[in-house]
C-alpha atoms as a PDB file:
ATOM      1  CA  UNK A   1      23.153 -17.666 109.528  1.00  0.00           C
ATOM      2  CA  UNK A   2      23.454 -18.924 112.984  1.00  0.00           C
ATOM      3  CA  UNK A   3      21.860 -16.547 115.220  1.00  0.00           C
ATOM      4  CA  UNK A   4      21.351 -12.712 115.196  1.00  0.00           C
ATOM      5  CA  UNK A   5      24.229 -10.518 114.531  1.00  0.00           C
ATOM      6  CA  UNK A   6      25.372  -6.892 115.736  1.00  0.00           C
ATOM      7  CA  UNK A   7      26.585  -4.831 113.056  1.00  0.00           C
ATOM      8  CA  UNK A   8      28.006  -1.454 113.118  1.00  0.00           C
ATOM      9  CA  UNK A   9      27.611   1.301 110.091  1.00  0.00           C
ATOM     10  CA  UNK A  10      30.725   1.781 108.251  1.00  0.00           C
ATOM     11  CA  UNK A  11      32.070   5.843 107.951  1.00  0.00           C
ATOM     12  CA  UNK A  12      32.099   5.073 104.140  1.00  0.00           C
ATOM     13  CA  UNK A  13      27.756   3.609 104.211  1.00  0.00           C
ATOM     14  CA  UNK A  14      26.997   7.803 105.866  1.00  0.00           C
ATOM     15  CA  UNK A  15      23.622   8.677 104.644  1.00  0.00           C
ATOM     16  CA  UNK A  16      23.185   5.326 102.904  1.00  0.00           C
ATOM     17  CA  UNK A  17      19.965   4.347 103.001  1.00  0.00           C
ATOM     18  CA  UNK A  18      18.955   0.968 105.026  1.00  0.00           C
ATOM     19  CA  UNK A  19      17.223  -1.017 102.269  1.00  0.00           C
ATOM     20  CA  UNK A  20      20.519  -0.530 100.255  1.00  0.00           C
ATOM     21  CA  UNK A  21      22.724  -0.993 102.941  1.00  0.00           C
ATOM     22  CA  UNK A  22      21.120  -4.504 103.468  1.00  0.00           C
ATOM     23  CA  UNK A  23      21.737  -4.862  99.734  1.00  0.00           C
ATOM     24  CA  UNK A  24      25.067  -4.407  99.714  1.00  0.00           C
ATOM     25  CA  UNK A  25      25.977  -6.527 102.892  1.00  0.00           C
ATOM     26  CA  UNK A  26      23.241  -9.249 101.288  1.00  0.00           C
ATOM     27  CA  UNK A  27      22.796  -9.523  98.033  1.00  0.00           C
ATOM     28  CA  UNK A  28      20.968 -12.829  98.713  1.00  0.00           C
ATOM     29  CA  UNK A  29      18.033 -10.975 100.252  1.00  0.00           C
ATOM     30  CA  UNK A  30      14.796 -10.264  98.625  1.00  0.00           C
ATOM     31  CA  UNK A  31      12.772  -6.982  99.136  1.00  0.00           C
ATOM     32  CA  UNK A  32       9.589  -8.853 100.586  1.00  0.00           C
ATOM     33  CA  UNK A  33      11.595 -10.565 102.948  1.00  0.00           C
ATOM     34  CA  UNK A  34      13.334  -6.779 104.054  1.00  0.00           C
ATOM     35  CA  UNK A  35      10.290  -5.577 104.377  1.00  0.00           C
ATOM     36  CA  UNK A  36       8.482  -8.358 106.912  1.00  0.00           C
ATOM     37  CA  UNK A  37      11.850  -8.235 108.882  1.00  0.00           C
ATOM     38  CA  UNK A  38      10.976  -4.358 109.594  1.00  0.00           C
ATOM     39  CA  UNK A  39       7.384  -4.519 110.197  1.00  0.00           C
ATOM     40  CA  UNK A  40       8.078  -6.990 112.663  1.00  0.00           C
ATOM     41  CA  UNK A  41      10.517  -5.060 113.890  1.00  0.00           C
ATOM     42  CA  UNK A  42      13.464  -7.500 113.535  1.00  0.00           C
ATOM     43  CA  UNK A  43      15.650  -5.255 111.815  1.00  0.00           C
ATOM     44  CA  UNK A  44      16.383  -2.297 114.143  1.00  0.00           C
ATOM     45  CA  UNK A  45      18.875   0.480 114.253  1.00  0.00           C
ATOM     46  CA  UNK A  46      19.878   1.265 117.858  1.00  0.00           C
ATOM     47  CA  UNK A  47      17.710  -0.622 119.481  1.00  0.00           C
ATOM     48  CA  UNK A  48      14.795   0.879 117.949  1.00  0.00           C
ATOM     49  CA  UNK A  49      12.061   0.213 114.660  1.00  0.00           C
ATOM     50  CA  UNK A  50      12.686   1.763 111.236  1.00  0.00           C
ATOM     51  CA  UNK A  51      12.021   1.937 108.204  1.00  0.00           C
ATOM     52  CA  UNK A  52      13.709   0.838 104.447  1.00  0.00           C
ATOM     53  CA  UNK A  53      13.872   4.139 103.876  1.00  0.00           C
ATOM     54  CA  UNK A  54      15.973   5.137 107.050  1.00  0.00           C
ATOM     55  CA  UNK A  55      19.055   7.046 106.262  1.00  0.00           C
ATOM     56  CA  UNK A  56      22.325   5.767 108.349  1.00  0.00           C
ATOM     57  CA  UNK A  57      25.055   7.466 110.143  1.00  0.00           C
ATOM     58  CA  UNK A  58      28.384   6.034 111.466  1.00  0.00           C
ATOM     59  CA  UNK A  59      28.573   3.851 114.445  1.00  0.00           C
ATOM     60  CA  UNK A  60      24.750   3.060 114.706  1.00  0.00           C
ATOM     61  CA  UNK A  61      24.229  -0.210 115.057  1.00  0.00           C
ATOM     62  CA  UNK A  62      22.503  -2.905 112.783  1.00  0.00           C
ATOM     63  CA  UNK A  63      20.403  -5.781 114.576  1.00  0.00           C
ATOM     64  CA  UNK A  64      20.332  -8.555 111.919  1.00  0.00           C
ATOM     65  CA  UNK A  65      18.110 -11.536 112.719  1.00  0.00           C
ATOM     66  CA  UNK A  66      18.682 -15.230 110.886  1.00  0.00           C
ATOM     67  CA  UNK A  67      17.925 -15.059 107.664  1.00  0.00           C
ATOM     68  CA  UNK A  68      18.869 -17.770 105.939  1.00  0.00           C
ATOM     69  CA  UNK A  69      21.080 -15.685 103.274  1.00  0.00           C
ATOM     70  CA  UNK A  70      24.486 -15.447 102.814  1.00  0.00           C
ATOM     71  CA  UNK A  71      26.654 -12.435 103.684  1.00  0.00           C
ATOM     72  CA  UNK A  72      28.632 -10.857 101.646  1.00  0.00           C
ATOM     73  CA  UNK A  73      32.185 -11.842 102.215  1.00  0.00           C
ATOM     74  CA  UNK A  74      33.722  -8.329 103.077  1.00  0.00           C
ATOM     75  CA  UNK A  75      33.674  -4.776 103.539  1.00  0.00           C
ATOM     76  CA  UNK A  76      33.605  -2.682 100.404  1.00  0.00           C
ATOM     77  CA  UNK A  77      37.638  -2.479  99.020  1.00  0.00           C
ATOM     78  CA  UNK A  78      39.369   0.600  99.735  1.00  0.00           C
ATOM     79  CA  UNK A  79      43.111   1.466  99.787  1.00  0.00           C
ATOM     80  CA  UNK A  80      42.599   0.806 103.628  1.00  0.00           C
ATOM     81  CA  UNK A  81      40.647  -2.397 103.594  1.00  0.00           C
ATOM     82  CA  UNK A  82      43.047  -3.612 101.034  1.00  0.00           C
ATOM     83  CA  UNK A  83      46.271  -3.192 103.101  1.00  0.00           C
ATOM     84  CA  UNK A  84      47.415  -6.376 104.553  1.00  0.00           C
ATOM     85  CA  UNK A  85      45.470  -8.705 102.560  1.00  0.00           C
ATOM     86  CA  UNK A  86      46.726 -11.541 100.003  1.00  0.00           C
ATOM     87  CA  UNK A  87      47.281 -10.274  96.561  1.00  0.00           C
ATOM     88  CA  UNK A  88      45.113 -12.841  95.069  1.00  0.00           C
ATOM     89  CA  UNK A  89      42.530 -12.133  97.266  1.00  0.00           C
ATOM     90  CA  UNK A  90      41.967  -8.668  96.766  1.00  0.00           C
ATOM     91  CA  UNK A  91      42.492  -9.311  92.808  1.00  0.00           C
ATOM     92  CA  UNK A  92      39.098 -11.605  93.158  1.00  0.00           C
ATOM     93  CA  UNK A  93      37.175  -9.546  94.842  1.00  0.00           C
ATOM     94  CA  UNK A  94      38.016  -6.337  92.451  1.00  0.00           C
ATOM     95  CA  UNK A  95      37.243  -8.673  89.476  1.00  0.00           C
ATOM     96  CA  UNK A  96      34.098  -7.510  87.471  1.00  0.00           C
ATOM     97  CA  UNK A  97      34.926  -9.373  84.116  1.00  0.00           C
ATOM     98  CA  UNK A  98      36.891 -13.152  83.573  1.00  0.00           C
ATOM     99  CA  UNK A  99      37.330 -15.072  80.258  1.00  0.00           C
ATOM    100  CA  UNK A 100      40.130 -17.278  78.812  1.00  0.00           C
ATOM    101  CA  UNK A 101      41.834 -13.481  77.229  1.00  0.00           C
ATOM    102  CA  UNK A 102      40.751 -10.434  79.634  1.00  0.00           C
ATOM    103  CA  UNK A 103      40.139  -9.841  83.120  1.00  0.00           C
ATOM    104  CA  UNK A 104      38.499  -5.926  84.070  1.00  0.00           C
ATOM    105  CA  UNK A 105      39.113  -5.123  87.687  1.00  0.00           C
ATOM    106  CA  UNK A 106      36.896  -2.464  89.662  1.00  0.00           C
ATOM    107  CA  UNK A 107      40.000  -0.613  91.327  1.00  0.00           C
ATOM    108  CA  UNK A 108      39.727   0.771  94.597  1.00  0.00           C
ATOM    109  CA  UNK A 109      40.318   5.006  94.793  1.00  0.00           C
ATOM    110  CA  UNK A 110      43.491   5.115  96.392  1.00  0.00           C
ATOM    111  CA  UNK A 111      45.128   2.236  95.125  1.00  0.00           C
ATOM    112  CA  UNK A 112      47.862   2.932  92.226  1.00  0.00           C
ATOM    113  CA  UNK A 113      47.512   0.803  88.788  1.00  0.00           C
ATOM    114  CA  UNK A 114      51.491   1.196  88.635  1.00  0.00           C
ATOM    115  CA  UNK A 115      54.437   1.865  90.985  1.00  0.00           C
ATOM    116  CA  UNK A 116      56.306   4.809  91.850  1.00  0.00           C
ATOM    117  CA  UNK A 117      57.325   7.381  94.263  1.00  0.00           C
ATOM    118  CA  UNK A 118      55.612   7.042  97.453  1.00  0.00           C
ATOM    119  CA  UNK A 119      53.434   3.661  96.151  1.00  0.00           C
ATOM    120  CA  UNK A 120      53.503   0.401  98.346  1.00  0.00           C
ATOM    121  CA  UNK A 121      51.405  -1.449  96.643  1.00  0.00           C
ATOM    122  CA  UNK A 122      50.087  -1.616  92.978  1.00  0.00           C
ATOM    123  CA  UNK A 123      47.853  -3.045  90.827  1.00  0.00           C
ATOM    124  CA  UNK A 124      50.345  -4.426  88.307  1.00  0.00           C
ATOM    125  CA  UNK A 125      52.325  -6.107  90.898  1.00  0.00           C
ATOM    126  CA  UNK A 126      49.635  -7.701  92.220  1.00  0.00           C
ATOM    127  CA  UNK A 127      48.989  -9.495  88.760  1.00  0.00           C
ATOM    128  CA  UNK A 128      51.949 -11.222  89.607  1.00  0.00           C
ATOM    129  CA  UNK A 129      49.793 -13.495  92.005  1.00  0.00           C
ATOM    130  CA  UNK A 130      47.948 -14.188  88.921  1.00  0.00           C
ATOM    131  CA  UNK A 131      50.474 -15.498  86.551  1.00  0.00           C
ATOM    132  CA  UNK A 132      48.872 -19.064  84.490  1.00  0.00           C
ATOM    133  CA  UNK A 133      50.649 -22.227  83.768  1.00  0.00           C
ATOM    134  CA  UNK A 134      52.827 -21.246  81.448  1.00  0.00           C
ATOM    135  CA  UNK A 135      54.370 -18.414  83.649  1.00  0.00           C
ATOM    136  CA  UNK A 136      52.000 -15.498  81.550  1.00  0.00           C
ATOM    137  CA  UNK A 137      51.856 -12.691  84.449  1.00  0.00           C
ATOM    138  CA  UNK A 138      48.253 -10.283  83.275  1.00  0.00           C
ATOM    139  CA  UNK A 139      49.223  -7.478  81.218  1.00  0.00           C
ATOM    140  CA  UNK A 140      48.513  -4.313  81.518  1.00  0.00           C
ATOM    141  CA  UNK A 141      46.692  -1.764  78.619  1.00  0.00           C
ATOM    142  CA  UNK A 142      45.624   1.410  79.743  1.00  0.00           C
ATOM    143  CA  UNK A 143      45.863   3.326  83.438  1.00  0.00           C
ATOM    144  CA  UNK A 144      43.882   5.069  85.537  1.00  0.00           C
ATOM    145  CA  UNK A 145      45.005   8.066  88.169  1.00  0.00           C
ATOM    146  CA  UNK A 146      45.507   6.631  91.232  1.00  0.00           C
ATOM    147  CA  UNK A 147      42.647   8.704  93.271  1.00  0.00           C
ATOM    148  CA  UNK A 148      40.719   7.084  90.366  1.00  0.00           C
ATOM    149  CA  UNK A 149      37.906   4.485  90.925  1.00  0.00           C
ATOM    150  CA  UNK A 150      36.703   2.064  88.215  1.00  0.00           C
ATOM    151  CA  UNK A 151      36.409  -0.281  85.463  1.00  0.00           C
ATOM    152  CA  UNK A 152      40.370  -1.373  84.648  1.00  0.00           C
ATOM    153  CA  UNK A 153      41.395  -3.912  81.410  1.00  0.00           C
ATOM    154  CA  UNK A 154      43.879  -5.853  81.699  1.00  0.00           C
ATOM    155  CA  UNK A 155      44.848  -8.661  79.306  1.00  0.00           C
ATOM    156  CA  UNK A 156      45.825 -12.461  79.904  1.00  0.00           C
ATOM    157  CA  UNK A 157      47.852 -13.033  77.189  1.00  0.00           C
ATOM    158  CA  UNK A 158      50.404 -11.314  74.808  1.00  0.00           C
ATOM    159  CA  UNK A 159      47.904 -11.508  71.874  1.00  0.00           C
ATOM    160  CA  UNK A 160      45.367 -10.545  74.092  1.00  0.00           C
ATOM    161  CA  UNK A 161      47.693  -7.524  75.241  1.00  0.00           C
ATOM    162  CA  UNK A 162      48.267  -6.368  71.505  1.00  0.00           C
ATOM    163  CA  UNK A 163      44.898  -6.359  70.053  1.00  0.00           C
ATOM    164  CA  UNK A 164      43.900  -4.268  73.579  1.00  0.00           C
ATOM    165  CA  UNK A 165      46.424  -1.473  73.500  1.00  0.00           C
ATOM    166  CA  UNK A 166      45.875  -1.277  69.059  1.00  0.00           C
ATOM    167  CA  UNK A 167      42.271  -0.715  70.158  1.00  0.00           C
ATOM    168  CA  UNK A 168      43.159   1.906  73.113  1.00  0.00           C
ATOM    169  CA  UNK A 169      45.743   3.554  70.727  1.00  0.00           C
ATOM    170  CA  UNK A 170      42.895   3.532  67.421  1.00  0.00           C
ATOM    171  CA  UNK A 171      40.303   4.988  70.102  1.00  0.00           C
ATOM    172  CA  UNK A 172      37.607   2.431  69.117  1.00  0.00           C
ATOM    173  CA  UNK A 173      37.211   1.782  72.719  1.00  0.00           C
ATOM    174  CA  UNK A 174      34.482   4.097  74.407  1.00  0.00           C
ATOM    175  CA  UNK A 175      35.221   5.336  77.943  1.00  0.00           C
ATOM    176  CA  UNK A 176      32.386   6.976  80.162  1.00  0.00           C
ATOM    177  CA  UNK A 177      33.456   8.631  83.487  1.00  0.00           C
ATOM    178  CA  UNK A 178      31.091   9.861  86.464  1.00  0.00           C
ATOM    179  CA  UNK A 179      32.086  12.910  88.094  1.00  0.00           C
ATOM    180  CA  UNK A 180      30.658  15.225  90.156  1.00  0.00           C
ATOM    181  CA  UNK A 181      31.907  18.999  89.836  1.00  0.00           C
ATOM    182  CA  UNK A 182      31.914  22.595  91.378  1.00  0.00           C
ATOM    183  CA  UNK A 183      28.461  24.697  90.299  1.00  0.00           C
ATOM    184  CA  UNK A 184      26.414  23.317  87.431  1.00  0.00           C
ATOM    185  CA  UNK A 185      28.131  24.318  83.699  1.00  0.00           C
ATOM    186  CA  UNK A 186      26.248  26.761  81.548  1.00  0.00           C
ATOM    187  CA  UNK A 187      25.101  24.280  78.783  1.00  0.00           C
ATOM    188  CA  UNK A 188      23.181  20.778  79.346  1.00  0.00           C
ATOM    189  CA  UNK A 189      26.012  19.348  76.898  1.00  0.00           C
ATOM    190  CA  UNK A 190      29.454  20.103  75.257  1.00  0.00           C
ATOM    191  CA  UNK A 191      33.010  19.598  74.353  1.00  0.00           C
ATOM    192  CA  UNK A 192      35.868  20.384  75.416  1.00  0.00           C
ATOM    193  CA  UNK A 193      38.909  21.026  72.976  1.00  0.00           C
ATOM    194  CA  UNK A 194      42.370  22.262  74.145  1.00  0.00           C
ATOM    195  CA  UNK A 195      46.340  21.665  74.653  1.00  0.00           C
ATOM    196  CA  UNK A 196      47.370  20.106  77.662  1.00  0.00           C
ATOM    197  CA  UNK A 197      51.201  19.912  78.678  1.00  0.00           C
ATOM    198  CA  UNK A 198      52.997  18.539  81.702  1.00  0.00           C
ATOM    199  CA  UNK A 199      55.046  21.023  84.377  1.00  0.00           C
ATOM    200  CA  UNK A 200      56.632  19.952  87.411  1.00  0.00           C
ATOM    201  CA  UNK A 201      55.690  21.564  90.760  1.00  0.00           C
ATOM    202  CA  UNK A 202      56.174  21.637  94.363  1.00  0.00           C
ATOM    203  CA  UNK A 203      53.507  18.660  94.735  1.00  0.00           C
ATOM    204  CA  UNK A 204      54.585  16.797  91.824  1.00  0.00           C
ATOM    205  CA  UNK A 205      53.743  16.855  88.282  1.00  0.00           C
ATOM    206  CA  UNK A 206      50.438  18.848  86.720  1.00  0.00           C
ATOM    207  CA  UNK A 207      48.983  19.128  83.723  1.00  0.00           C
ATOM    208  CA  UNK A 208      48.043  22.855  82.610  1.00  0.00           C
ATOM    209  CA  UNK A 209      45.872  24.420  79.587  1.00  0.00           C
ATOM    210  CA  UNK A 210      48.436  25.042  77.024  1.00  0.00           C
ATOM    211  CA  UNK A 211      48.456  27.502  73.478  1.00  0.00           C
ATOM    212  CA  UNK A 212      49.068  25.603  70.160  1.00  0.00           C
ATOM    213  CA  UNK A 213      52.306  24.831  68.990  1.00  0.00           C
ATOM    214  CA  UNK A 214      53.792  24.873  72.918  1.00  0.00           C
ATOM    215  CA  UNK A 215      56.737  22.447  73.328  1.00  0.00           C
ATOM    216  CA  UNK A 216      55.291  19.272  74.445  1.00  0.00           C
ATOM    217  CA  UNK A 217      51.627  20.230  74.550  1.00  0.00           C
ATOM    218  CA  UNK A 218      49.219  17.536  72.866  1.00  0.00           C
ATOM    219  CA  UNK A 219      46.008  18.245  71.568  1.00  0.00           C
ATOM    220  CA  UNK A 220      42.815  16.817  74.318  1.00  0.00           C
ATOM    221  CA  UNK A 221      39.342  16.358  73.708  1.00  0.00           C
ATOM    222  CA  UNK A 222      36.424  15.491  76.176  1.00  0.00           C
ATOM    223  CA  UNK A 223      33.071  15.477  75.709  1.00  0.00           C
ATOM    224  CA  UNK A 224      30.330  16.048  78.955  1.00  0.00           C
ATOM    225  CA  UNK A 225      26.850  16.114  79.823  1.00  0.00           C
ATOM    226  CA  UNK A 226      24.678  16.918  82.758  1.00  0.00           C
ATOM    227  CA  UNK A 227      23.184  14.123  84.483  1.00  0.00           C
ATOM    228  CA  UNK A 228      21.859  15.199  87.601  1.00  0.00           C
ATOM    229  CA  UNK A 229      22.476  18.586  89.834  1.00  0.00           C
ATOM    230  CA  UNK A 230      22.029  19.742  93.232  1.00  0.00           C
ATOM    231  CA  UNK A 231      20.345  23.612  93.105  1.00  0.00           C
ATOM    232  CA  UNK A 232      23.780  25.897  91.795  1.00  0.00           C
ATOM    233  CA  UNK A 233      25.961  23.974  94.275  1.00  0.00           C
ATOM    234  CA  UNK A 234      27.118  20.305  92.851  1.00  0.00           C
ATOM    235  CA  UNK A 235      26.687  19.034  89.634  1.00  0.00           C
ATOM    236  CA  UNK A 236      26.859  15.127  88.060  1.00  0.00           C
ATOM    237  CA  UNK A 237      28.591  14.921  84.844  1.00  0.00           C
ATOM    238  CA  UNK A 238      29.462  12.182  82.715  1.00  0.00           C
ATOM    239  CA  UNK A 239      32.244  12.417  80.588  1.00  0.00           C
ATOM    240  CA  UNK A 240      33.388  11.096  78.089  1.00  0.00           C
ATOM    241  CA  UNK A 241      37.177  11.777  77.024  1.00  0.00           C
ATOM    242  CA  UNK A 242      38.013  11.514  73.311  1.00  0.00           C
ATOM    243  CA  UNK A 243      41.940  11.453  73.650  1.00  0.00           C
ATOM    244  CA  UNK A 244      43.649   9.900  76.425  1.00  0.00           C
ATOM    245  CA  UNK A 245      46.266  12.294  77.979  1.00  0.00           C
ATOM    246  CA  UNK A 246      47.361  12.594  81.634  1.00  0.00           C
ATOM    247  CA  UNK A 247      44.386  14.232  84.304  1.00  0.00           C
ATOM    248  CA  UNK A 248      42.742  15.127  81.005  1.00  0.00           C
ATOM    249  CA  UNK A 249      38.840  14.583  82.721  1.00  0.00           C
ATOM    250  CA  UNK A 250      40.885  16.829  85.895  1.00  0.00           C
ATOM    251  CA  UNK A 251      41.431  19.141  84.141  1.00  0.00           C
ATOM    252  CA  UNK A 252      39.253  19.836  81.302  1.00  0.00           C
ATOM    253  CA  UNK A 253      36.300  19.972  84.516  1.00  0.00           C
ATOM    254  CA  UNK A 254      38.701  22.780  85.855  1.00  0.00           C
ATOM    255  CA  UNK A 255      39.018  24.587  82.133  1.00  0.00           C
ATOM    256  CA  UNK A 256      35.327  24.413  82.376  1.00  0.00           C
ATOM    257  CA  UNK A 257      35.364  26.515  85.421  1.00  0.00           C
ATOM    258  CA  UNK A 258      33.434  23.122  87.527  1.00  0.00           C
ATOM    259  CA  UNK A 259      36.206  21.233  89.562  1.00  0.00           C
ATOM    260  CA  UNK A 260      36.181  17.972  90.039  1.00  0.00           C
ATOM    261  CA  UNK A 261      34.757  18.035  93.926  1.00  0.00           C
ATOM    262  CA  UNK A 262      38.190  16.756  96.144  1.00  0.00           C
ATOM    263  CA  UNK A 263      40.729  16.615  93.606  1.00  0.00           C
ATOM    264  CA  UNK A 264      43.800  17.222  95.279  1.00  0.00           C
ATOM    265  CA  UNK A 265      45.427  18.447  92.514  1.00  0.00           C
ATOM    266  CA  UNK A 266      42.997  20.950  90.412  1.00  0.00           C
ATOM    267  CA  UNK A 267      40.016  21.609  92.936  1.00  0.00           C
ATOM    268  CA  UNK A 268      41.634  23.855  95.935  1.00  0.00           C
ATOM    269  CA  UNK A 269      38.773  23.870  98.353  1.00  0.00           C
ATOM    270  CA  UNK A 270      41.277  25.186 101.144  1.00  0.00           C
ATOM    271  CA  UNK A 271      41.261  28.624  99.164  1.00  0.00           C
ATOM    272  CA  UNK A 272      38.747  29.132  96.947  1.00  0.00           C
ATOM    273  CA  UNK A 273      35.298  27.326  98.254  1.00  0.00           C
ATOM    274  CA  UNK A 274      34.090  25.333 101.422  1.00  0.00           C
ATOM    275  CA  UNK A 275      34.046  21.609 100.796  1.00  0.00           C
ATOM    276  CA  UNK A 276      30.879  20.211 101.267  1.00  0.00           C
ATOM    277  CA  UNK A 277      29.400  19.128 104.518  1.00  0.00           C
ATOM    278  CA  UNK A 278      29.224  15.818 105.156  1.00  0.00           C
ATOM    279  CA  UNK A 279      31.072  14.597 102.349  1.00  0.00           C
ATOM    280  CA  UNK A 280      34.796  12.922 102.297  1.00  0.00           C
ATOM    281  CA  UNK A 281      37.683  15.239 100.637  1.00  0.00           C
ATOM    282  CA  UNK A 282      38.282  12.604  97.784  1.00  0.00           C
ATOM    283  CA  UNK A 283      38.470  12.899  93.770  1.00  0.00           C
ATOM    284  CA  UNK A 284      34.829  12.383  92.630  1.00  0.00           C
ATOM    285  CA  UNK A 285      35.844  10.958  89.608  1.00  0.00           C
ATOM    286  CA  UNK A 286      34.780   7.446  88.588  1.00  0.00           C
ATOM    287  CA  UNK A 287      35.432   5.546  85.289  1.00  0.00           C
ATOM    288  CA  UNK A 288      31.970   4.191  85.245  1.00  0.00           C
ATOM    289  CA  UNK A 289      31.956   2.242  81.536  1.00  0.00           C
ATOM    290  CA  UNK A 290      34.023   0.856  79.267  1.00  0.00           C
ATOM    291  CA  UNK A 291      33.138  -0.837  75.820  1.00  0.00           C
ATOM    292  CA  UNK A 292      36.047  -1.932  74.066  1.00  0.00           C
ATOM    293  CA  UNK A 293      36.022  -4.462  71.000  1.00  0.00           C
ATOM    294  CA  UNK A 294      37.262  -8.494  72.551  1.00  0.00           C
ATOM    295  CA  UNK A 295      40.539 -10.203  70.747  1.00  0.00           C
ATOM    296  CA  UNK A 296      38.391 -12.975  70.223  1.00  0.00           C
ATOM    297  CA  UNK A 297      35.848 -10.928  68.423  1.00  0.00           C
ATOM    298  CA  UNK A 298      32.662  -8.801  69.209  1.00  0.00           C
ATOM    299  CA  UNK A 299      32.169  -6.115  71.956  1.00  0.00           C
ATOM    300  CA  UNK A 300      32.885  -6.168  75.517  1.00  0.00           C
ATOM    301  CA  UNK A 301      30.482  -3.756  78.104  1.00  0.00           C
ATOM    302  CA  UNK A 302      31.728  -3.208  81.417  1.00  0.00           C
ATOM    303  CA  UNK A 303      30.127  -1.200  84.244  1.00  0.00           C
ATOM    304  CA  UNK A 304      31.587  -0.280  87.759  1.00  0.00           C
ATOM    305  CA  UNK A 305      29.578   0.916  90.828  1.00  0.00           C
ATOM    306  CA  UNK A 306      29.934   4.006  92.652  1.00  0.00           C
ATOM    307  CA  UNK A 307      33.155   3.436  94.964  1.00  0.00           C
ATOM    308  CA  UNK A 308      31.998   3.983  98.798  1.00  0.00           C
ATOM    309  CA  UNK A 309      32.929   7.664  99.023  1.00  0.00           C
ATOM    310  CA  UNK A 310      30.446   8.390  95.736  1.00  0.00           C
ATOM    311  CA  UNK A 311      27.859   6.449  97.216  1.00  0.00           C
ATOM    312  CA  UNK A 312      27.419   8.115 100.470  1.00  0.00           C
ATOM    313  CA  UNK A 313      27.696  11.660  99.034  1.00  0.00           C
ATOM    314  CA  UNK A 314      24.823  10.396  96.049  1.00  0.00           C
ATOM    315  CA  UNK A 315      22.888   9.482  99.392  1.00  0.00           C
ATOM    316  CA  UNK A 316      22.985  13.023 100.900  1.00  0.00           C
ATOM    317  CA  UNK A 317      22.420  14.780  97.696  1.00  0.00           C
ATOM    318  CA  UNK A 318      19.554  12.602  96.322  1.00  0.00           C
ATOM    319  CA  UNK A 319      21.172  11.096  93.878  1.00  0.00           C
ATOM    320  CA  UNK A 320      19.910   7.459  92.392  1.00  0.00           C
ATOM    321  CA  UNK A 321      22.724   5.198  90.245  1.00  0.00           C
ATOM    322  CA  UNK A 322      20.021   4.336  88.277  1.00  0.00           C
ATOM    323  CA  UNK A 323      19.363   7.779  86.250  1.00  0.00           C
ATOM    324  CA  UNK A 324      23.272   7.532  85.002  1.00  0.00           C
ATOM    325  CA  UNK A 325      22.315   4.241  83.165  1.00  0.00           C
ATOM    326  CA  UNK A 326      25.172   1.991  82.267  1.00  0.00           C
ATOM    327  CA  UNK A 327      27.654   4.821  80.429  1.00  0.00           C
ATOM    328  CA  UNK A 328      28.157   5.648  76.029  1.00  0.00           C
ATOM    329  CA  UNK A 329      27.888   2.701  73.797  1.00  0.00           C
END
């Protein structure tokens, strides 16, 4: 870094602690070095001295002195920030794990996995940029909802795709999700078992709880555990789907009486609930962790960080990401 920089706080970083902000933008900066720069007044916010636990607000200006560490290449990936960028570059920034058989990406919320009505960009099309020398395109082996962020597993070869697809079909994978839901479930942990059926509505297909034996209905089972709660208003849940039905976790949380915050299909904040101030009206659901049999043997375990809009909500609520661990094994 050649000289002093002035950097504005992004709206996605509302409420983020200053030390976490520096960890995000300058991962090579040590804690001790950061404290020294703060004590000497070399780091300032809007011209004033600050402490490491100061909460940032959008539009504030952070003074960054020469520190001798590299800045992270670009802003956190969202559907908005990737809009006009090269597919190969976007995939590289999304990458959480890579080996000769498997790729694991951190899919941003708002980016579709496959094409469809109203979809202008999706992961499946972007994978064209990563064809290998034999002309093989990496293959999707499972899906995430467009509005859900987190771990997405992709096979690099035909054989790996067959092995991974079988693992998902035979339920030898372990998937853990994090969600922020309204209210607090009565029991600290539990099982949700229902039948789900798809039905067409004016705003697209929706899933609903059905009766056993109803035409087109599939059995769906999920497990949940409370990690932390904010009074009785909001709750951080760990969710583990045993089956993999469309919108399963979203419908199961609604069935539990605690819909996921910001869900555009299953959370009617305009009619039924006031949306919490300072939080973005986006789906607060993260595919946090996956453990899957690797095609070459053993197990592959990968964890995704909170997306920017959930980081903002966690900061506002005082939740610590480390409390939830990396997921269920």
